[in-house]
Structures are given as C-alpha cells and as structure tokens.
Amino acid sequence: MNSQLFNRRQFSLTLTSFLSGLGLSANALASGGGPGSDEISRIEEAIHQEVVLKASRKRVYEALTEAGQFSKATGSEGTEISREVGGAFSLFGGQIEGRHVELVPSARIVQAWRSSGWEKGKYSVARFELKDEGTGTKIIFDHTGFPKGQAEHLATGWKEHYWNSLARYFAS
C-alpha cells in the first residue's frame, strides 16, 4: 500500500514538474486551457517578519507615517509621506514609492508599495500591524505581491533599513 502511494505521489510530482517545464499546469489541461488561459497562480513569494521596538504604538506609527521622523530614524534624505489614505509616499530619495491603502492610527498601516526599479505599474502590498508588547510595540509585518526572486533582497532591506534603524532611533 505504501509503495503504491509513493508511486502515485512520485508520478504526480514528476508530471507536474514536466508540465510546468512546458509552461502548462495540470489544472490548465484538466480545464482545457493552455498557456494564456485564465488561471489562478498558486505560486507567490511572501515576507513575514515580527519585530519588537522599545516605543509606544503611537511613536512607532508616527515614525512610519511622518516624513521628518522617518528621515531621522532611517537617515534618509528626500522623504515625502502623505498622512492621508490614498496619499503618496516617496522614501530613500525616491527608491521606494507608493500609496497608503489603509491608515489606522497607532494600529495598522497598509501600503501599495514598490521599488523604483520594478516594472511601471507593479505594486506589492506592505502591511504593518502594531500590537502592544510589554512596554513596547510588536510590528507584525507582511509583504506580498512583489516580483518573483525579490524575497531575500527585500527581507534583508526591511531588517536593515526599517527595523534596525527604528530600533536605534527609539534607543536614543
């Protein structure tokens, strides 16, 4: 029984691998579609990070949404941040840009976020959830919808340019 299960599983994996190499999926074949047919992609990279900062939720929220504080915290020039839902932001001298999708003071920030090097019109979603953690704030951060192959670079960037910078800013 186990050898049959293994063989079926192995066959499915081999078939899926073969079809994807041709640019097809088992779902596309089953539905009669081929390349270019309406399909749902089940492959996506995502970043999930959690960091605790020694500051209140209000201070963390303000550091992420006020241009002056963001510049001081990150040491970056050319920071512009709207404080309105739908408003634009430009960070790190225009290297990062986007719009605020949702702003809930001291609780949540959701942004349509993009790197200037990405294809025009390509935006990802960056979500900052702020929770009390003792006398500090825990940021539960999720970043999705970015171009494939960017996860490692972006995850490192969030740690270096956001979390480490904010930790130093609040420690001073």
C-alpha atoms as a PDB file:
ATOM      1  CA  MET A   1       0.000   0.000   0.000  1.00  0.00           C
ATOM      2  CA  ASN A   2       2.740   2.465   0.939  1.00  0.00           C
ATOM      3  CA  SER A   3       4.705   1.689  -2.238  1.00  0.00           C
ATOM      4  CA  GLN A   4       1.581   2.407  -4.339  1.00  0.00           C
ATOM      5  CA  LEU A   5       1.059   5.691  -2.505  1.00  0.00           C
ATOM      6  CA  PHE A   6       4.678   6.634  -3.009  1.00  0.00           C
ATOM      7  CA  ASN A   7       4.491   5.752  -6.682  1.00  0.00           C
ATOM      8  CA  ARG A   8       1.316   7.806  -7.185  1.00  0.00           C
ATOM      9  CA  ARG A   9       2.820  10.741  -5.342  1.00  0.00           C
ATOM     10  CA  GLN A  10       6.070  10.459  -7.282  1.00  0.00           C
ATOM     11  CA  PHE A  11       4.139  10.236 -10.560  1.00  0.00           C
ATOM     12  CA  SER A  12       2.130  13.360  -9.714  1.00  0.00           C
ATOM     13  CA  LEU A  13       5.255  15.305  -8.814  1.00  0.00           C
ATOM     14  CA  THR A  14       7.021  14.188 -11.974  1.00  0.00           C
ATOM     15  CA  LEU A  15       4.012  15.040 -14.155  1.00  0.00           C
ATOM     16  CA  THR A  16       3.603  18.456 -12.541  1.00  0.00           C
ATOM     17  CA  SER A  17       7.298  19.191 -12.975  1.00  0.00           C
ATOM     18  CA  PHE A  18       7.195  18.108 -16.620  1.00  0.00           C
ATOM     19  CA  LEU A  19       4.083  20.164 -17.401  1.00  0.00           C
ATOM     20  CA  SER A  20       5.419  23.271 -15.704  1.00  0.00           C
ATOM     21  CA  GLY A  21       8.565  22.922 -17.793  1.00  0.00           C
ATOM     22  CA  LEU A  22       6.336  23.168 -20.858  1.00  0.00           C
ATOM     23  CA  GLY A  23       4.543  26.204 -19.433  1.00  0.00           C
ATOM     24  CA  LEU A  24       1.422  24.191 -18.648  1.00  0.00           C
ATOM     25  CA  SER A  25      -0.258  23.131 -15.440  1.00  0.00           C
ATOM     26  CA  ALA A  26      -2.337  20.104 -14.613  1.00  0.00           C
ATOM     27  CA  ASN A  27      -5.247  22.474 -13.892  1.00  0.00           C
ATOM     28  CA  ALA A  28      -4.907  24.066 -17.330  1.00  0.00           C
ATOM     29  CA  LEU A  29      -5.007  20.676 -19.030  1.00  0.00           C
ATOM     30  CA  ALA A  30      -7.943  19.494 -16.943  1.00  0.00           C
ATOM     31  CA  SER A  31      -9.907  22.636 -17.832  1.00  0.00           C
ATOM     32  CA  GLY A  32      -8.894  22.516 -21.475  1.00  0.00           C
ATOM     33  CA  GLY A  33      -6.809  25.664 -21.201  1.00  0.00           C
ATOM     34  CA  GLY A  34      -3.260  26.183 -22.280  1.00  0.00           C
ATOM     35  CA  PRO A  35      -0.769  28.984 -21.909  1.00  0.00           C
ATOM     36  CA  GLY A  36      -2.544  32.311 -21.648  1.00  0.00           C
ATOM     37  CA  SER A  37      -5.831  30.846 -20.453  1.00  0.00           C
ATOM     38  CA  ASP A  38      -7.447  32.309 -17.348  1.00  0.00           C
ATOM     39  CA  GLU A  39      -5.741  30.625 -14.419  1.00  0.00           C
ATOM     40  CA  ILE A  40      -5.060  31.376 -10.802  1.00  0.00           C
ATOM     41  CA  SER A  41      -1.396  31.404  -9.883  1.00  0.00           C
ATOM     42  CA  ARG A  42      -0.680  29.402  -6.777  1.00  0.00           C
ATOM     43  CA  ILE A  43       2.960  30.459  -6.642  1.00  0.00           C
ATOM     44  CA  GLU A  44       3.787  33.566  -4.660  1.00  0.00           C
ATOM     45  CA  GLU A  45       6.638  34.718  -2.514  1.00  0.00           C
ATOM     46  CA  ALA A  46       5.872  36.483   0.730  1.00  0.00           C
ATOM     47  CA  ILE A  47       7.729  38.015   3.652  1.00  0.00           C
ATOM     48  CA  HIS A  48       6.535  37.760   7.241  1.00  0.00           C
ATOM     49  CA  GLN A  49       8.604  39.459   9.930  1.00  0.00           C
ATOM     50  CA  GLU A  50       7.938  40.323  13.551  1.00  0.00           C
ATOM     51  CA  VAL A  51       9.983  42.835  15.492  1.00  0.00           C
ATOM     52  CA  VAL A  52       9.600  44.381  18.929  1.00  0.00           C
ATOM     53  CA  LEU A  53      10.607  48.008  19.381  1.00  0.00           C
ATOM     54  CA  LYS A  54      11.064  49.910  22.638  1.00  0.00           C
ATOM     55  CA  ALA A  55       8.448  52.563  21.901  1.00  0.00           C
ATOM     56  CA  SER A  56       4.701  53.021  22.141  1.00  0.00           C
ATOM     57  CA  ARG A  57       2.448  52.115  19.218  1.00  0.00           C
ATOM     58  CA  LYS A  58       1.793  55.841  18.734  1.00  0.00           C
ATOM     59  CA  ARG A  59       5.525  56.628  18.403  1.00  0.00           C
ATOM     60  CA  VAL A  60       6.110  53.706  16.013  1.00  0.00           C
ATOM     61  CA  TYR A  61       3.112  54.705  13.881  1.00  0.00           C
ATOM     62  CA  GLU A  62       4.319  58.312  13.725  1.00  0.00           C
ATOM     63  CA  ALA A  63       7.871  57.260  12.790  1.00  0.00           C
ATOM     64  CA  LEU A  64       6.445  55.285   9.867  1.00  0.00           C
ATOM     65  CA  THR A  65       3.978  57.943   8.690  1.00  0.00           C
ATOM     66  CA  GLU A  66       5.648  61.319   9.340  1.00  0.00           C
ATOM     67  CA  ALA A  67       8.348  62.352   6.871  1.00  0.00           C
ATOM     68  CA  GLY A  68      10.525  64.162   9.423  1.00  0.00           C
ATOM     69  CA  GLN A  69      10.572  61.293  11.881  1.00  0.00           C
ATOM     70  CA  PHE A  70      11.072  58.692   9.147  1.00  0.00           C
ATOM     71  CA  SER A  71      14.077  60.649   7.831  1.00  0.00           C
ATOM     72  CA  LYS A  72      15.586  60.932  11.321  1.00  0.00           C
ATOM     73  CA  ALA A  73      15.011  57.253  12.047  1.00  0.00           C
ATOM     74  CA  THR A  74      16.409  55.942   8.770  1.00  0.00           C
ATOM     75  CA  GLY A  75      18.944  58.663   7.996  1.00  0.00           C
ATOM     76  CA  SER A  76      17.452  59.002   4.517  1.00  0.00           C
ATOM     77  CA  GLU A  77      17.108  62.190   2.508  1.00  0.00           C
ATOM     78  CA  GLY A  78      14.254  63.063   0.173  1.00  0.00           C
ATOM     79  CA  THR A  79      11.413  61.593   2.223  1.00  0.00           C
ATOM     80  CA  GLU A  80       7.844  62.596   1.419  1.00  0.00           C
ATOM     81  CA  ILE A  81       4.913  60.957   3.198  1.00  0.00           C
ATOM     82  CA  SER A  82       1.252  61.899   2.924  1.00  0.00           C
ATOM     83  CA  ARG A  83      -0.737  61.314   6.103  1.00  0.00           C
ATOM     84  CA  GLU A  84      -3.958  60.590   4.185  1.00  0.00           C
ATOM     85  CA  VAL A  85      -5.472  57.336   2.920  1.00  0.00           C
ATOM     86  CA  GLY A  86      -4.784  57.295  -0.810  1.00  0.00           C
ATOM     87  CA  GLY A  87      -1.904  59.701  -0.333  1.00  0.00           C
ATOM     88  CA  ALA A  88       1.503  59.064  -1.855  1.00  0.00           C
ATOM     89  CA  PHE A  89       4.857  58.436  -0.217  1.00  0.00           C
ATOM     90  CA  SER A  90       8.395  58.513  -1.577  1.00  0.00           C
ATOM     91  CA  LEU A  91      11.238  57.151   0.558  1.00  0.00           C
ATOM     92  CA  PHE A  92      15.008  56.852   0.366  1.00  0.00           C
ATOM     93  CA  GLY A  93      15.321  59.549  -2.294  1.00  0.00           C
ATOM     94  CA  GLY A  94      12.600  58.037  -4.481  1.00  0.00           C
ATOM     95  CA  GLN A  95      13.908  54.451  -4.366  1.00  0.00           C
ATOM     96  CA  ILE A  96      10.650  53.359  -2.705  1.00  0.00           C
ATOM     97  CA  GLU A  97       7.256  54.819  -3.570  1.00  0.00           C
ATOM     98  CA  GLY A  98       3.598  54.052  -3.224  1.00  0.00           C
ATOM     99  CA  ARG A  99       0.273  55.000  -1.679  1.00  0.00           C
ATOM    100  CA  HIS A 100      -1.424  54.432   1.641  1.00  0.00           C
ATOM    101  CA  VAL A 101      -4.292  51.977   1.276  1.00  0.00           C
ATOM    102  CA  GLU A 102      -5.289  51.970   4.945  1.00  0.00           C
ATOM    103  CA  LEU A 103      -4.178  54.060   7.920  1.00  0.00           C
ATOM    104  CA  VAL A 104      -5.460  53.240  11.397  1.00  0.00           C
ATOM    105  CA  PRO A 105      -3.554  55.469  13.841  1.00  0.00           C
ATOM    106  CA  SER A 106      -1.351  53.521  16.254  1.00  0.00           C
ATOM    107  CA  ALA A 107      -2.716  50.214  14.930  1.00  0.00           C
ATOM    108  CA  ARG A 108      -2.227  49.481  11.211  1.00  0.00           C
ATOM    109  CA  ILE A 109      -0.644  50.744   8.013  1.00  0.00           C
ATOM    110  CA  VAL A 110      -1.324  49.104   4.645  1.00  0.00           C
ATOM    111  CA  GLN A 111       0.538  50.370   1.608  1.00  0.00           C
ATOM    112  CA  ALA A 112       0.671  49.784  -2.124  1.00  0.00           C
ATOM    113  CA  TRP A 113       4.473  49.669  -2.185  1.00  0.00           C
ATOM    114  CA  ARG A 114       7.027  49.476  -4.995  1.00  0.00           C
ATOM    115  CA  SER A 115      10.705  49.782  -5.707  1.00  0.00           C
ATOM    116  CA  SER A 116      11.636  52.302  -8.408  1.00  0.00           C
ATOM    117  CA  GLY A 117      13.432  49.533 -10.313  1.00  0.00           C
ATOM    118  CA  TRP A 118      10.286  47.476 -10.820  1.00  0.00           C
ATOM    119  CA  GLU A 119       8.209  47.444 -13.975  1.00  0.00           C
ATOM    120  CA  LYS A 120       5.936  50.518 -14.156  1.00  0.00           C
ATOM    121  CA  GLY A 121       2.560  49.882 -12.547  1.00  0.00           C
ATOM    122  CA  LYS A 122       3.823  46.909 -10.468  1.00  0.00           C
ATOM    123  CA  TYR A 123       2.917  47.330  -6.799  1.00  0.00           C
ATOM    124  CA  SER A 124       3.123  44.992  -3.836  1.00  0.00           C
ATOM    125  CA  VAL A 125       1.246  45.181  -0.532  1.00  0.00           C
ATOM    126  CA  ALA A 126       3.096  46.018   2.681  1.00  0.00           C
ATOM    127  CA  ARG A 127       1.102  45.609   5.898  1.00  0.00           C
ATOM    128  CA  PHE A 128       2.292  46.815   9.319  1.00  0.00           C
ATOM    129  CA  GLU A 129       0.179  45.634  12.257  1.00  0.00           C
ATOM    130  CA  LEU A 130       1.108  47.324  15.569  1.00  0.00           C
ATOM    131  CA  LYS A 131       0.461  45.427  18.836  1.00  0.00           C
ATOM    132  CA  ASP A 132       1.343  46.172  22.453  1.00  0.00           C
ATOM    133  CA  GLU A 133       4.248  44.052  23.671  1.00  0.00           C
ATOM    134  CA  GLY A 134       5.019  44.819  27.304  1.00  0.00           C
ATOM    135  CA  THR A 135       6.124  48.447  27.356  1.00  0.00           C
ATOM    136  CA  GLY A 136       6.993  48.338  23.662  1.00  0.00           C
ATOM    137  CA  THR A 137       5.387  47.615  20.319  1.00  0.00           C
ATOM    138  CA  LYS A 138       5.426  44.485  18.227  1.00  0.00           C
ATOM    139  CA  ILE A 139       5.262  45.087  14.485  1.00  0.00           C
ATOM    140  CA  ILE A 140       3.731  42.157  12.645  1.00  0.00           C
ATOM    141  CA  PHE A 141       4.807  42.789   9.094  1.00  0.00           C
ATOM    142  CA  ASP A 142       3.652  41.062   5.909  1.00  0.00           C
ATOM    143  CA  HIS A 143       4.808  41.901   2.398  1.00  0.00           C
ATOM    144  CA  THR A 144       3.212  40.167  -0.597  1.00  0.00           C
ATOM    145  CA  GLY A 145       2.772  40.583  -4.340  1.00  0.00           C
ATOM    146  CA  PHE A 146       6.329  41.584  -5.215  1.00  0.00           C
ATOM    147  CA  PRO A 147       8.200  40.268  -8.272  1.00  0.00           C
ATOM    148  CA  LYS A 148       9.405  36.702  -8.035  1.00  0.00           C
ATOM    149  CA  GLY A 149      13.007  36.347  -6.919  1.00  0.00           C
ATOM    150  CA  GLN A 150      12.961  39.524  -4.782  1.00  0.00           C
ATOM    151  CA  ALA A 151      12.118  37.977  -1.378  1.00  0.00           C
ATOM    152  CA  GLU A 152      15.637  37.604   0.016  1.00  0.00           C
ATOM    153  CA  HIS A 153      16.703  41.095  -1.080  1.00  0.00           C
ATOM    154  CA  LEU A 154      13.527  42.709   0.269  1.00  0.00           C
ATOM    155  CA  ALA A 155      13.601  40.802   3.587  1.00  0.00           C
ATOM    156  CA  THR A 156      17.168  41.975   4.168  1.00  0.00           C
ATOM    157  CA  GLY A 157      16.189  45.532   3.236  1.00  0.00           C
ATOM    158  CA  TRP A 158      13.299  45.605   5.698  1.00  0.00           C
ATOM    159  CA  LYS A 159      15.600  44.451   8.511  1.00  0.00           C
ATOM    160  CA  GLU A 160      18.473  46.804   7.690  1.00  0.00           C
ATOM    161  CA  HIS A 161      16.629  49.949   6.596  1.00  0.00           C
ATOM    162  CA  TYR A 162      13.476  49.770   8.723  1.00  0.00           C
ATOM    163  CA  TRP A 163      13.694  47.571  11.821  1.00  0.00           C
ATOM    164  CA  ASN A 164      17.350  48.149  12.754  1.00  0.00           C
ATOM    165  CA  SER A 165      17.046  51.879  12.015  1.00  0.00           C
ATOM    166  CA  LEU A 166      13.874  52.195  14.090  1.00  0.00           C
ATOM    167  CA  ALA A 167      15.423  50.237  16.970  1.00  0.00           C
ATOM    168  CA  ARG A 168      18.421  52.637  17.023  1.00  0.00           C
ATOM    169  CA  TYR A 169      16.114  55.666  16.733  1.00  0.00           C
ATOM    170  CA  PHE A 170      13.985  54.628  19.698  1.00  0.00           C
ATOM    171  CA  ALA A 171      17.039  53.671  21.783  1.00  0.00           C
ATOM    172  CA  SER A 172      18.468  57.195  21.531  1.00  0.00           C
END
